[in-house]
N, C-alpha and C. Protein backbone atom coordinates (compact mmCIF):
# COMPACT_ATOMS: atom_id res chain seq x y z
N MET A 1 114.23 98.81 119.89
CA MET A 1 112.90 98.63 119.27
C MET A 1 112.17 99.98 119.21
N VAL A 2 111.50 100.26 118.09
CA VAL A 2 110.80 101.51 117.92
C VAL A 2 109.61 101.59 118.88
N SER A 3 109.37 102.77 119.42
CA SER A 3 108.30 102.94 120.39
C SER A 3 106.99 103.33 119.71
N HIS A 4 105.88 103.12 120.41
CA HIS A 4 104.57 103.53 119.90
C HIS A 4 104.55 105.05 119.71
N GLU A 5 105.22 105.76 120.61
CA GLU A 5 105.25 107.23 120.53
C GLU A 5 105.95 107.71 119.26
N GLN A 6 107.06 107.05 118.90
CA GLN A 6 107.79 107.44 117.70
C GLN A 6 106.99 107.13 116.45
N ILE A 7 106.33 105.98 116.45
CA ILE A 7 105.48 105.60 115.31
C ILE A 7 104.34 106.60 115.17
N ASP A 8 103.73 106.97 116.28
CA ASP A 8 102.63 107.93 116.27
C ASP A 8 103.10 109.26 115.69
N LYS A 9 104.26 109.72 116.12
CA LYS A 9 104.80 110.99 115.64
C LYS A 9 105.12 110.92 114.14
N THR A 10 105.73 109.82 113.72
CA THR A 10 106.09 109.64 112.31
C THR A 10 104.86 109.66 111.42
N LEU A 11 103.83 108.92 111.79
CA LEU A 11 102.63 108.86 110.96
C LEU A 11 101.85 110.16 110.98
N THR A 12 101.88 110.85 112.09
CA THR A 12 101.21 112.16 112.17
C THR A 12 101.87 113.15 111.21
N ILE A 13 103.20 113.14 111.17
CA ILE A 13 103.92 114.02 110.24
C ILE A 13 103.60 113.67 108.79
N LEU A 14 103.63 112.38 108.48
CA LEU A 14 103.37 111.96 107.10
C LEU A 14 101.96 112.30 106.65
N LYS A 15 101.01 112.17 107.53
CA LYS A 15 99.62 112.52 107.17
C LYS A 15 99.51 113.99 106.80
N LYS A 16 100.19 114.83 107.57
CA LYS A 16 100.15 116.28 107.29
C LYS A 16 100.83 116.61 105.97
N GLU A 17 101.85 115.82 105.61
CA GLU A 17 102.63 116.08 104.39
C GLU A 17 102.12 115.29 103.19
N GLN A 18 101.06 114.52 103.36
CA GLN A 18 100.58 113.62 102.31
C GLN A 18 100.32 114.36 101.01
N LYS A 19 100.91 113.84 99.93
CA LYS A 19 100.86 114.54 98.64
C LYS A 19 99.67 114.13 97.77
N ILE A 20 99.26 112.86 97.86
CA ILE A 20 98.23 112.36 96.96
C ILE A 20 97.22 111.52 97.73
N THR A 21 96.05 111.32 97.13
CA THR A 21 95.11 110.34 97.66
C THR A 21 95.23 109.08 96.81
N THR A 22 94.97 107.95 97.39
CA THR A 22 95.15 106.69 96.67
C THR A 22 93.92 106.34 95.84
N MET A 23 94.13 105.43 94.90
CA MET A 23 93.04 104.95 94.07
C MET A 23 91.92 104.37 94.92
N LEU A 24 92.28 103.53 95.89
CA LEU A 24 91.26 102.87 96.70
C LEU A 24 90.51 103.86 97.58
N HIS A 25 91.20 104.89 98.03
CA HIS A 25 90.53 105.95 98.79
C HIS A 25 89.46 106.62 97.92
N ARG A 26 89.82 106.94 96.69
CA ARG A 26 88.86 107.58 95.78
C ARG A 26 87.71 106.65 95.44
N LEU A 27 88.02 105.38 95.17
CA LEU A 27 86.97 104.43 94.82
C LEU A 27 86.05 104.17 96.02
N GLY A 28 86.64 104.15 97.23
CA GLY A 28 85.85 103.94 98.43
C GLY A 28 84.85 105.06 98.67
N GLU A 29 85.20 106.28 98.25
CA GLU A 29 84.29 107.41 98.39
C GLU A 29 83.24 107.43 97.29
N LYS A 30 83.60 106.88 96.13
CA LYS A 30 82.70 106.93 94.97
C LYS A 30 81.76 105.73 94.90
N TYR A 31 82.26 104.56 95.29
CA TYR A 31 81.53 103.31 95.10
C TYR A 31 81.26 102.59 96.41
N GLY A 32 80.50 101.49 96.30
CA GLY A 32 80.20 100.63 97.43
C GLY A 32 81.18 99.47 97.54
N PRO A 33 80.94 98.56 98.48
CA PRO A 33 81.86 97.44 98.74
C PRO A 33 82.08 96.51 97.54
N TYR A 34 81.06 96.28 96.73
CA TYR A 34 81.22 95.41 95.55
C TYR A 34 82.30 95.97 94.62
N GLN A 35 82.19 97.25 94.30
CA GLN A 35 83.16 97.85 93.39
C GLN A 35 84.56 97.90 93.99
N VAL A 36 84.66 98.18 95.29
CA VAL A 36 85.98 98.23 95.94
C VAL A 36 86.61 96.84 95.93
N LEU A 37 85.82 95.82 96.21
CA LEU A 37 86.33 94.44 96.19
C LEU A 37 86.85 94.07 94.81
N ILE A 38 86.06 94.30 93.78
CA ILE A 38 86.46 93.96 92.42
C ILE A 38 87.67 94.78 91.98
N SER A 39 87.68 96.07 92.30
CA SER A 39 88.81 96.94 91.93
C SER A 39 90.11 96.47 92.57
N THR A 40 90.02 96.05 93.82
CA THR A 40 91.23 95.64 94.52
C THR A 40 91.77 94.33 93.97
N ILE A 41 90.88 93.43 93.57
CA ILE A 41 91.34 92.20 92.90
C ILE A 41 92.06 92.56 91.60
N LEU A 42 91.51 93.50 90.86
CA LEU A 42 92.11 93.92 89.59
C LEU A 42 93.46 94.62 89.79
N SER A 43 93.65 95.25 90.94
CA SER A 43 94.83 96.09 91.15
C SER A 43 96.12 95.32 91.40
N ALA A 44 96.02 94.02 91.64
CA ALA A 44 97.22 93.24 91.93
C ALA A 44 98.21 93.32 90.78
N ARG A 45 99.44 93.72 91.08
CA ARG A 45 100.53 93.82 90.10
C ARG A 45 100.15 94.70 88.90
N ALA A 46 99.41 95.75 89.20
CA ALA A 46 99.01 96.70 88.15
C ALA A 46 99.14 98.12 88.69
N LYS A 47 99.34 99.07 87.79
CA LYS A 47 99.44 100.46 88.19
C LYS A 47 98.06 100.98 88.58
N ASP A 48 98.01 101.75 89.66
CA ASP A 48 96.74 102.28 90.13
C ASP A 48 96.05 103.13 89.07
N GLU A 49 96.83 103.90 88.33
CA GLU A 49 96.24 104.77 87.32
C GLU A 49 95.49 103.96 86.26
N THR A 50 96.10 102.85 85.85
CA THR A 50 95.47 101.98 84.85
C THR A 50 94.26 101.27 85.45
N THR A 51 94.42 100.77 86.66
CA THR A 51 93.34 100.05 87.31
C THR A 51 92.10 100.92 87.49
N GLU A 52 92.31 102.15 87.90
CA GLU A 52 91.17 103.04 88.17
C GLU A 52 90.37 103.31 86.89
N ILE A 53 91.05 103.57 85.79
CA ILE A 53 90.37 103.82 84.52
C ILE A 53 89.58 102.58 84.09
N ILE A 54 90.23 101.43 84.16
CA ILE A 54 89.59 100.19 83.72
C ILE A 54 88.44 99.80 84.63
N ALA A 55 88.62 99.98 85.94
CA ALA A 55 87.55 99.65 86.88
C ALA A 55 86.31 100.50 86.61
N ASN A 56 86.50 101.77 86.35
CA ASN A 56 85.36 102.65 86.05
C ASN A 56 84.63 102.20 84.79
N GLU A 57 85.39 101.76 83.78
CA GLU A 57 84.77 101.25 82.55
C GLU A 57 84.01 99.96 82.83
N LEU A 58 84.61 99.09 83.64
CA LEU A 58 83.98 97.81 83.96
C LEU A 58 82.64 98.01 84.65
N PHE A 59 82.57 98.96 85.57
CA PHE A 59 81.34 99.15 86.35
C PHE A 59 80.24 99.83 85.56
N LYS A 60 80.58 100.44 84.43
CA LYS A 60 79.54 100.98 83.56
C LYS A 60 78.72 99.85 82.95
N LYS A 61 79.40 98.74 82.64
CA LYS A 61 78.72 97.59 82.03
C LYS A 61 78.24 96.60 83.07
N TYR A 62 79.01 96.48 84.18
CA TYR A 62 78.65 95.51 85.22
C TYR A 62 78.56 96.24 86.57
N PRO A 63 77.46 96.95 86.81
CA PRO A 63 77.37 97.81 87.99
C PRO A 63 77.10 97.07 89.30
N ASN A 64 76.77 95.79 89.23
CA ASN A 64 76.48 95.04 90.45
C ASN A 64 76.93 93.58 90.28
N ALA A 65 76.87 92.85 91.37
CA ALA A 65 77.36 91.47 91.37
C ALA A 65 76.57 90.59 90.40
N LYS A 66 75.28 90.81 90.31
CA LYS A 66 74.45 89.98 89.42
C LYS A 66 74.87 90.12 87.97
N SER A 67 75.10 91.34 87.53
CA SER A 67 75.48 91.56 86.13
C SER A 67 76.85 90.95 85.82
N LEU A 68 77.79 91.07 86.76
CA LEU A 68 79.12 90.51 86.54
C LEU A 68 79.11 88.98 86.64
N ALA A 69 78.30 88.45 87.52
CA ALA A 69 78.21 87.00 87.69
C ALA A 69 77.72 86.32 86.42
N ASN A 70 76.90 87.03 85.64
CA ASN A 70 76.35 86.47 84.41
C ASN A 70 77.15 86.86 83.16
N ALA A 71 78.27 87.52 83.37
CA ALA A 71 79.08 87.97 82.23
C ALA A 71 79.85 86.83 81.61
N LYS A 72 80.15 86.97 80.33
CA LYS A 72 81.03 86.03 79.64
C LYS A 72 82.47 86.49 79.86
N GLN A 73 83.35 85.54 80.10
CA GLN A 73 84.72 85.89 80.41
C GLN A 73 85.37 86.70 79.30
N GLN A 74 85.11 86.36 78.06
CA GLN A 74 85.72 87.09 76.94
C GLN A 74 85.26 88.53 76.88
N ASP A 75 84.01 88.79 77.29
CA ASP A 75 83.50 90.17 77.31
C ASP A 75 84.20 90.99 78.40
N VAL A 76 84.47 90.34 79.52
CA VAL A 76 85.17 91.01 80.61
C VAL A 76 86.62 91.28 80.20
N ILE A 77 87.24 90.31 79.55
CA ILE A 77 88.63 90.46 79.11
C ILE A 77 88.78 91.65 78.16
N LYS A 78 87.79 91.87 77.31
CA LYS A 78 87.86 93.00 76.38
C LYS A 78 88.01 94.33 77.11
N ILE A 79 87.43 94.41 78.29
CA ILE A 79 87.49 95.64 79.08
C ILE A 79 88.78 95.75 79.88
N ILE A 80 89.22 94.62 80.45
CA ILE A 80 90.35 94.68 81.39
C ILE A 80 91.68 94.25 80.77
N ARG A 81 91.70 94.01 79.47
CA ARG A 81 92.89 93.44 78.82
C ARG A 81 94.17 94.22 79.12
N LYS A 82 94.10 95.55 79.18
CA LYS A 82 95.31 96.36 79.38
C LYS A 82 95.88 96.27 80.79
N ILE A 83 95.16 95.64 81.69
CA ILE A 83 95.56 95.64 83.09
C ILE A 83 96.61 94.57 83.41
N GLY A 84 96.77 93.58 82.54
CA GLY A 84 97.73 92.52 82.80
C GLY A 84 97.09 91.38 83.60
N PHE A 85 97.57 90.16 83.35
CA PHE A 85 97.04 88.96 84.02
C PHE A 85 95.51 88.88 83.86
N TYR A 86 95.04 89.29 82.69
CA TYR A 86 93.60 89.44 82.49
C TYR A 86 92.84 88.12 82.48
N ASN A 87 93.49 87.02 82.09
CA ASN A 87 92.79 85.73 82.11
C ASN A 87 92.42 85.33 83.54
N ALA A 88 93.43 85.37 84.42
CA ALA A 88 93.19 85.00 85.82
C ALA A 88 92.26 86.01 86.50
N LYS A 89 92.48 87.28 86.24
CA LYS A 89 91.67 88.30 86.92
C LYS A 89 90.21 88.28 86.46
N SER A 90 89.99 88.06 85.18
CA SER A 90 88.60 87.99 84.70
C SER A 90 87.89 86.80 85.33
N LYS A 91 88.58 85.68 85.42
CA LYS A 91 88.00 84.49 86.06
C LYS A 91 87.71 84.75 87.54
N ASN A 92 88.65 85.43 88.20
CA ASN A 92 88.49 85.69 89.64
C ASN A 92 87.34 86.64 89.94
N ILE A 93 87.21 87.71 89.16
CA ILE A 93 86.16 88.67 89.48
C ILE A 93 84.76 88.11 89.14
N ILE A 94 84.67 87.33 88.07
CA ILE A 94 83.38 86.69 87.77
C ILE A 94 83.05 85.67 88.85
N GLY A 95 84.06 84.88 89.27
CA GLY A 95 83.86 83.90 90.33
C GLY A 95 83.48 84.55 91.65
N THR A 96 84.09 85.71 91.93
CA THR A 96 83.76 86.44 93.14
C THR A 96 82.31 86.92 93.11
N ALA A 97 81.89 87.45 91.97
CA ALA A 97 80.50 87.91 91.83
C ALA A 97 79.52 86.76 92.00
N GLN A 98 79.85 85.61 91.44
CA GLN A 98 78.97 84.45 91.57
C GLN A 98 78.90 83.97 93.02
N LYS A 99 80.01 83.99 93.71
CA LYS A 99 80.05 83.58 95.11
C LYS A 99 79.24 84.56 95.98
N LEU A 100 79.33 85.85 95.65
CA LEU A 100 78.55 86.84 96.38
C LEU A 100 77.05 86.53 96.29
N LEU A 101 76.61 86.15 95.10
CA LEU A 101 75.19 85.84 94.90
C LEU A 101 74.81 84.52 95.57
N ASP A 102 75.65 83.51 95.38
CA ASP A 102 75.32 82.16 95.86
C ASP A 102 75.37 82.04 97.38
N GLU A 103 76.32 82.74 98.01
CA GLU A 103 76.56 82.51 99.44
C GLU A 103 76.29 83.71 100.33
N PHE A 104 76.22 84.91 99.74
CA PHE A 104 76.09 86.10 100.58
C PHE A 104 74.97 87.04 100.14
N ASN A 105 74.05 86.51 99.37
CA ASN A 105 72.88 87.29 98.95
C ASN A 105 73.27 88.58 98.23
N GLY A 106 74.42 88.53 97.54
CA GLY A 106 74.88 89.68 96.77
C GLY A 106 75.59 90.76 97.55
N LYS A 107 75.73 90.56 98.86
CA LYS A 107 76.35 91.58 99.71
C LYS A 107 77.77 91.17 100.11
N VAL A 108 78.68 92.09 100.03
CA VAL A 108 80.08 91.84 100.41
C VAL A 108 80.16 91.72 101.94
N PRO A 109 80.72 90.63 102.44
CA PRO A 109 80.86 90.49 103.90
C PRO A 109 81.90 91.45 104.46
N ASP A 110 81.76 91.78 105.73
CA ASP A 110 82.71 92.71 106.36
C ASP A 110 83.57 92.00 107.40
N GLU A 111 83.88 90.74 107.12
CA GLU A 111 84.74 89.94 108.00
C GLU A 111 85.88 89.35 107.18
N LEU A 112 87.10 89.45 107.69
CA LEU A 112 88.28 89.02 106.95
C LEU A 112 88.22 87.53 106.61
N ASP A 113 87.83 86.69 107.55
CA ASP A 113 87.84 85.25 107.30
C ASP A 113 86.87 84.84 106.20
N LYS A 114 85.83 85.65 105.97
CA LYS A 114 84.90 85.37 104.88
C LYS A 114 85.41 85.95 103.56
N LEU A 115 86.00 87.12 103.63
CA LEU A 115 86.52 87.76 102.42
C LEU A 115 87.62 86.94 101.75
N ILE A 116 88.49 86.34 102.55
CA ILE A 116 89.61 85.60 101.95
C ILE A 116 89.19 84.28 101.32
N THR A 117 87.91 83.94 101.37
CA THR A 117 87.43 82.72 100.69
C THR A 117 87.08 83.00 99.23
N PHE A 118 87.08 84.28 98.84
CA PHE A 118 86.75 84.63 97.45
C PHE A 118 87.97 84.42 96.54
N PRO A 119 87.74 84.03 95.28
CA PRO A 119 88.86 83.85 94.36
C PRO A 119 89.63 85.14 94.12
N GLY A 120 90.95 85.07 94.23
CA GLY A 120 91.78 86.24 94.00
C GLY A 120 91.89 87.16 95.19
N VAL A 121 91.34 86.75 96.33
CA VAL A 121 91.35 87.61 97.52
C VAL A 121 92.25 87.03 98.60
N GLY A 122 93.35 87.75 98.87
CA GLY A 122 94.23 87.40 99.98
C GLY A 122 94.02 88.41 101.10
N ARG A 123 94.92 88.42 102.04
CA ARG A 123 94.76 89.29 103.20
C ARG A 123 94.82 90.77 102.81
N LYS A 124 95.69 91.13 101.86
CA LYS A 124 95.79 92.54 101.48
C LYS A 124 94.49 93.04 100.88
N VAL A 125 93.94 92.28 99.95
CA VAL A 125 92.68 92.67 99.32
C VAL A 125 91.57 92.75 100.36
N ALA A 126 91.50 91.74 101.21
CA ALA A 126 90.45 91.71 102.24
C ALA A 126 90.56 92.90 103.18
N ASN A 127 91.77 93.21 103.60
CA ASN A 127 91.97 94.35 104.51
C ASN A 127 91.65 95.67 103.84
N CYS A 128 91.93 95.78 102.54
CA CYS A 128 91.56 96.99 101.80
C CYS A 128 90.04 97.19 101.81
N VAL A 129 89.31 96.12 101.59
CA VAL A 129 87.85 96.20 101.61
C VAL A 129 87.36 96.61 102.99
N LEU A 130 87.94 96.04 104.02
CA LEU A 130 87.54 96.38 105.39
C LEU A 130 87.77 97.86 105.68
N VAL A 131 88.91 98.38 105.23
CA VAL A 131 89.26 99.78 105.51
C VAL A 131 88.47 100.74 104.63
N TYR A 132 88.51 100.52 103.31
CA TYR A 132 87.98 101.52 102.39
C TYR A 132 86.47 101.45 102.18
N SER A 133 85.87 100.29 102.49
CA SER A 133 84.42 100.17 102.35
C SER A 133 83.67 100.23 103.67
N PHE A 134 84.26 99.58 104.68
CA PHE A 134 83.54 99.44 105.95
C PHE A 134 84.13 100.26 107.09
N LYS A 135 85.22 100.99 106.81
CA LYS A 135 85.86 101.83 107.84
C LYS A 135 86.22 101.02 109.09
N LYS A 136 86.65 99.78 108.87
CA LYS A 136 87.05 98.92 109.98
C LYS A 136 88.56 99.00 110.18
N ASN A 137 89.00 98.79 111.40
CA ASN A 137 90.43 98.83 111.68
C ASN A 137 91.13 97.60 111.12
N ALA A 138 91.99 97.83 110.14
CA ALA A 138 92.79 96.78 109.52
C ALA A 138 94.00 97.44 108.90
N ILE A 139 95.03 96.65 108.62
CA ILE A 139 96.24 97.19 108.02
C ILE A 139 96.52 96.47 106.69
N PRO A 140 96.09 97.05 105.57
CA PRO A 140 96.43 96.46 104.27
C PRO A 140 97.91 96.66 103.99
N VAL A 141 98.62 95.59 103.71
CA VAL A 141 100.06 95.70 103.46
C VAL A 141 100.34 95.41 101.98
N ASP A 142 100.62 96.46 101.23
CA ASP A 142 101.03 96.31 99.84
C ASP A 142 102.55 96.51 99.77
N ILE A 143 103.08 96.65 98.56
CA ILE A 143 104.53 96.77 98.40
C ILE A 143 105.08 98.02 99.07
N HIS A 144 104.30 99.11 99.07
CA HIS A 144 104.76 100.35 99.69
C HIS A 144 104.83 100.21 101.21
N VAL A 145 103.78 99.67 101.80
CA VAL A 145 103.74 99.51 103.26
C VAL A 145 104.85 98.56 103.71
N HIS A 146 105.04 97.48 102.97
CA HIS A 146 106.08 96.50 103.31
C HIS A 146 107.47 97.13 103.21
N ARG A 147 107.74 97.85 102.11
CA ARG A 147 109.05 98.46 101.90
C ARG A 147 109.35 99.53 102.93
N ILE A 148 108.41 100.44 103.13
CA ILE A 148 108.66 101.58 104.01
C ILE A 148 108.77 101.15 105.47
N SER A 149 107.96 100.20 105.88
CA SER A 149 108.04 99.71 107.27
C SER A 149 109.41 99.12 107.56
N ASN A 150 109.98 98.43 106.57
CA ASN A 150 111.31 97.86 106.73
C ASN A 150 112.39 98.94 106.67
N ARG A 151 112.26 99.90 105.77
CA ARG A 151 113.24 100.99 105.67
C ARG A 151 113.30 101.82 106.94
N LEU A 152 112.15 102.06 107.51
CA LEU A 152 112.09 102.85 108.74
C LEU A 152 112.74 102.12 109.92
N GLY A 153 112.83 100.80 109.79
CA GLY A 153 113.38 100.01 110.88
C GLY A 153 112.32 99.57 111.88
N TRP A 154 111.04 99.76 111.50
CA TRP A 154 109.96 99.32 112.38
C TRP A 154 109.89 97.80 112.44
N VAL A 155 110.13 97.17 111.28
CA VAL A 155 110.08 95.71 111.19
C VAL A 155 111.28 95.23 110.40
N LYS A 156 111.54 93.95 110.49
CA LYS A 156 112.55 93.31 109.67
C LYS A 156 111.93 92.02 109.16
N THR A 157 111.19 92.16 108.07
CA THR A 157 110.38 91.06 107.57
C THR A 157 110.63 90.80 106.09
N LYS A 158 110.26 89.61 105.66
CA LYS A 158 110.47 89.22 104.27
C LYS A 158 109.19 89.19 103.46
N THR A 159 108.05 89.07 104.13
CA THR A 159 106.78 88.97 103.40
C THR A 159 105.77 89.99 103.94
N PRO A 160 104.81 90.40 103.10
CA PRO A 160 103.76 91.32 103.57
C PRO A 160 102.97 90.74 104.74
N GLU A 161 102.77 89.44 104.74
CA GLU A 161 102.02 88.81 105.83
C GLU A 161 102.74 88.98 107.16
N GLU A 162 104.07 88.79 107.14
CA GLU A 162 104.86 89.02 108.36
C GLU A 162 104.78 90.47 108.80
N THR A 163 104.85 91.37 107.82
CA THR A 163 104.79 92.80 108.11
C THR A 163 103.46 93.16 108.76
N GLU A 164 102.39 92.63 108.23
CA GLU A 164 101.06 92.91 108.78
C GLU A 164 100.99 92.52 110.26
N LYS A 165 101.45 91.33 110.57
CA LYS A 165 101.40 90.85 111.96
C LYS A 165 102.22 91.73 112.89
N LYS A 166 103.40 92.15 112.42
CA LYS A 166 104.27 92.99 113.24
C LYS A 166 103.64 94.38 113.45
N LEU A 167 103.11 94.94 112.37
CA LEU A 167 102.53 96.28 112.45
C LEU A 167 101.31 96.32 113.36
N GLU A 168 100.55 95.25 113.38
CA GLU A 168 99.38 95.20 114.26
C GLU A 168 99.78 95.34 115.73
N LYS A 169 100.99 94.89 116.05
CA LYS A 169 101.48 94.99 117.43
C LYS A 169 102.13 96.34 117.71
N LEU A 170 102.64 96.98 116.66
CA LEU A 170 103.42 98.22 116.83
C LEU A 170 102.62 99.50 116.65
N VAL A 171 101.75 99.52 115.67
CA VAL A 171 101.08 100.76 115.27
C VAL A 171 99.85 101.03 116.13
N PRO A 172 99.74 102.22 116.70
CA PRO A 172 98.53 102.57 117.46
C PRO A 172 97.28 102.39 116.60
N THR A 173 96.23 101.85 117.18
CA THR A 173 95.02 101.51 116.43
C THR A 173 94.45 102.70 115.67
N LYS A 174 94.61 103.90 116.18
CA LYS A 174 94.03 105.08 115.53
C LYS A 174 94.61 105.33 114.14
N HIS A 175 95.77 104.71 113.85
CA HIS A 175 96.40 104.91 112.54
C HIS A 175 96.12 103.77 111.55
N TRP A 176 95.48 102.72 111.99
CA TRP A 176 95.32 101.55 111.12
C TRP A 176 94.59 101.87 109.82
N GLN A 177 93.50 102.60 109.90
CA GLN A 177 92.69 102.85 108.71
C GLN A 177 93.37 103.78 107.70
N THR A 178 94.32 104.55 108.15
CA THR A 178 94.97 105.52 107.26
C THR A 178 96.40 105.13 106.89
N LEU A 179 96.93 104.10 107.50
CA LEU A 179 98.34 103.76 107.28
C LEU A 179 98.63 103.42 105.81
N ASN A 180 97.77 102.63 105.19
CA ASN A 180 97.99 102.27 103.79
C ASN A 180 98.00 103.49 102.90
N ASP A 181 97.00 104.35 103.07
CA ASP A 181 96.93 105.58 102.28
C ASP A 181 98.19 106.43 102.46
N THR A 182 98.60 106.57 103.72
CA THR A 182 99.75 107.40 104.04
C THR A 182 101.03 106.87 103.42
N PHE A 183 101.26 105.57 103.55
CA PHE A 183 102.50 104.97 103.02
C PHE A 183 102.49 104.87 101.50
N VAL A 184 101.34 104.65 100.90
CA VAL A 184 101.27 104.61 99.43
C VAL A 184 101.62 105.99 98.87
N SER A 185 101.07 107.03 99.47
CA SER A 185 101.40 108.39 99.04
C SER A 185 102.89 108.67 99.21
N HIS A 186 103.42 108.33 100.37
CA HIS A 186 104.84 108.57 100.66
C HIS A 186 105.73 107.73 99.73
N GLY A 187 105.29 106.51 99.45
CA GLY A 187 106.07 105.61 98.61
C GLY A 187 106.11 106.01 97.15
N LYS A 188 105.08 106.70 96.70
CA LYS A 188 105.03 107.12 95.30
C LYS A 188 105.73 108.46 95.08
N THR A 189 105.80 109.28 96.12
CA THR A 189 106.33 110.63 95.94
C THR A 189 107.73 110.82 96.52
N ILE A 190 108.04 110.19 97.64
CA ILE A 190 109.32 110.40 98.32
C ILE A 190 110.11 109.10 98.48
N CYS A 191 109.50 108.13 99.15
CA CYS A 191 110.22 106.90 99.49
C CYS A 191 110.06 105.85 98.39
N THR A 192 110.54 106.21 97.21
CA THR A 192 110.40 105.37 96.03
C THR A 192 111.27 104.11 96.13
N PRO A 193 110.94 103.06 95.36
CA PRO A 193 111.70 101.81 95.46
C PRO A 193 113.19 101.98 95.17
N ILE A 194 113.50 102.77 94.13
CA ILE A 194 114.89 103.01 93.76
C ILE A 194 115.18 104.51 93.88
N GLY A 195 116.30 104.84 94.52
CA GLY A 195 116.69 106.24 94.67
C GLY A 195 115.69 107.09 95.41
N PRO A 196 115.30 106.69 96.62
CA PRO A 196 114.34 107.49 97.39
C PRO A 196 114.87 108.91 97.63
N LYS A 197 113.95 109.87 97.72
CA LYS A 197 114.31 111.28 97.87
C LYS A 197 114.49 111.62 99.35
N CYS A 198 115.50 111.05 99.96
CA CYS A 198 115.70 111.23 101.40
C CYS A 198 115.92 112.68 101.80
N SER A 199 116.52 113.47 100.90
CA SER A 199 116.77 114.88 101.22
C SER A 199 115.48 115.69 101.34
N GLN A 200 114.38 115.14 100.80
CA GLN A 200 113.10 115.83 100.86
C GLN A 200 112.14 115.21 101.88
N CYS A 201 112.62 114.20 102.58
CA CYS A 201 111.75 113.41 103.45
C CYS A 201 111.47 114.12 104.77
N PRO A 202 110.19 114.29 105.12
CA PRO A 202 109.84 114.98 106.36
C PRO A 202 110.10 114.14 107.61
N ILE A 203 110.37 112.84 107.43
CA ILE A 203 110.64 111.97 108.59
C ILE A 203 112.07 111.40 108.54
N TYR A 204 112.94 112.13 107.86
CA TYR A 204 114.32 111.66 107.69
C TYR A 204 114.98 111.28 109.02
N LYS A 205 114.81 112.12 110.03
CA LYS A 205 115.51 111.87 111.30
C LYS A 205 114.95 110.68 112.07
N TYR A 206 113.77 110.20 111.66
CA TYR A 206 113.19 109.05 112.34
C TYR A 206 113.42 107.74 111.57
N CYS A 207 114.11 107.83 110.44
CA CYS A 207 114.26 106.68 109.55
C CYS A 207 115.65 106.07 109.64
N LYS A 208 115.71 104.74 109.70
CA LYS A 208 116.99 104.05 109.73
C LYS A 208 117.54 103.80 108.33
N ARG A 209 116.70 104.02 107.32
CA ARG A 209 117.09 103.82 105.92
C ARG A 209 117.67 102.44 105.69
N ALA A 210 117.09 101.46 106.31
CA ALA A 210 117.55 100.08 106.18
C ALA A 210 117.46 99.62 104.73
N GLY A 211 118.56 99.14 104.21
CA GLY A 211 118.59 98.63 102.84
C GLY A 211 118.75 99.69 101.78
N VAL A 212 118.79 100.96 102.16
CA VAL A 212 118.94 102.04 101.18
C VAL A 212 120.42 102.23 100.88
N ILE A 213 120.80 101.99 99.64
CA ILE A 213 122.19 102.13 99.24
C ILE A 213 122.45 103.49 98.60
N LYS A 214 121.55 103.88 97.73
CA LYS A 214 121.71 105.16 97.02
C LYS A 214 120.42 105.94 97.13
N HIS A 215 120.55 107.21 97.56
CA HIS A 215 119.35 108.03 97.66
C HIS A 215 119.65 109.45 97.19
N ARG A 216 118.57 110.21 97.04
CA ARG A 216 118.70 111.60 96.55
C ARG A 216 118.41 112.57 97.68
């Protein structure tokens, strides 16, 4: 079983070698919790580059929960159409804005059990809001975090939810807020889904390369 010390060393190396900042990191610095929540709902099964452009356009017209709650779905779809799954996502973000007004006085809650009651919000979205808006200790598990954690041999899981539970027990708390950013950067530049660049990997000697058949 991997030790806390090895995980600490691995993440420390990756942070130093981090190539990019993530969309949510940038949005968290630019916007408040409302925008981060809506952006993260939009980001599901979409490219970050596309999501960021569309989210910025959306907030020009709907800068707060009240304006989005009163929006017509077709008007929202016109803005987010290129993002994919726009019917469900437009319904979810309008519903989320309405719920914010009706139940939370327009303010995004900073508790996971409340966040996951919003339409389109699962644990990953909720944890992203906790980390990027409220600087709370949480581990958002997206496809990169799930894939890399399994490749490293830290976990052997089939779902992001399982990965999250395992990582909470394994990863030192000081890394929780940065783990998603670190793994997303590593997953986009080195530890790609197909043909990872293992020869360029700064943590090669700490990786079990579980499930990796062909690499560069």
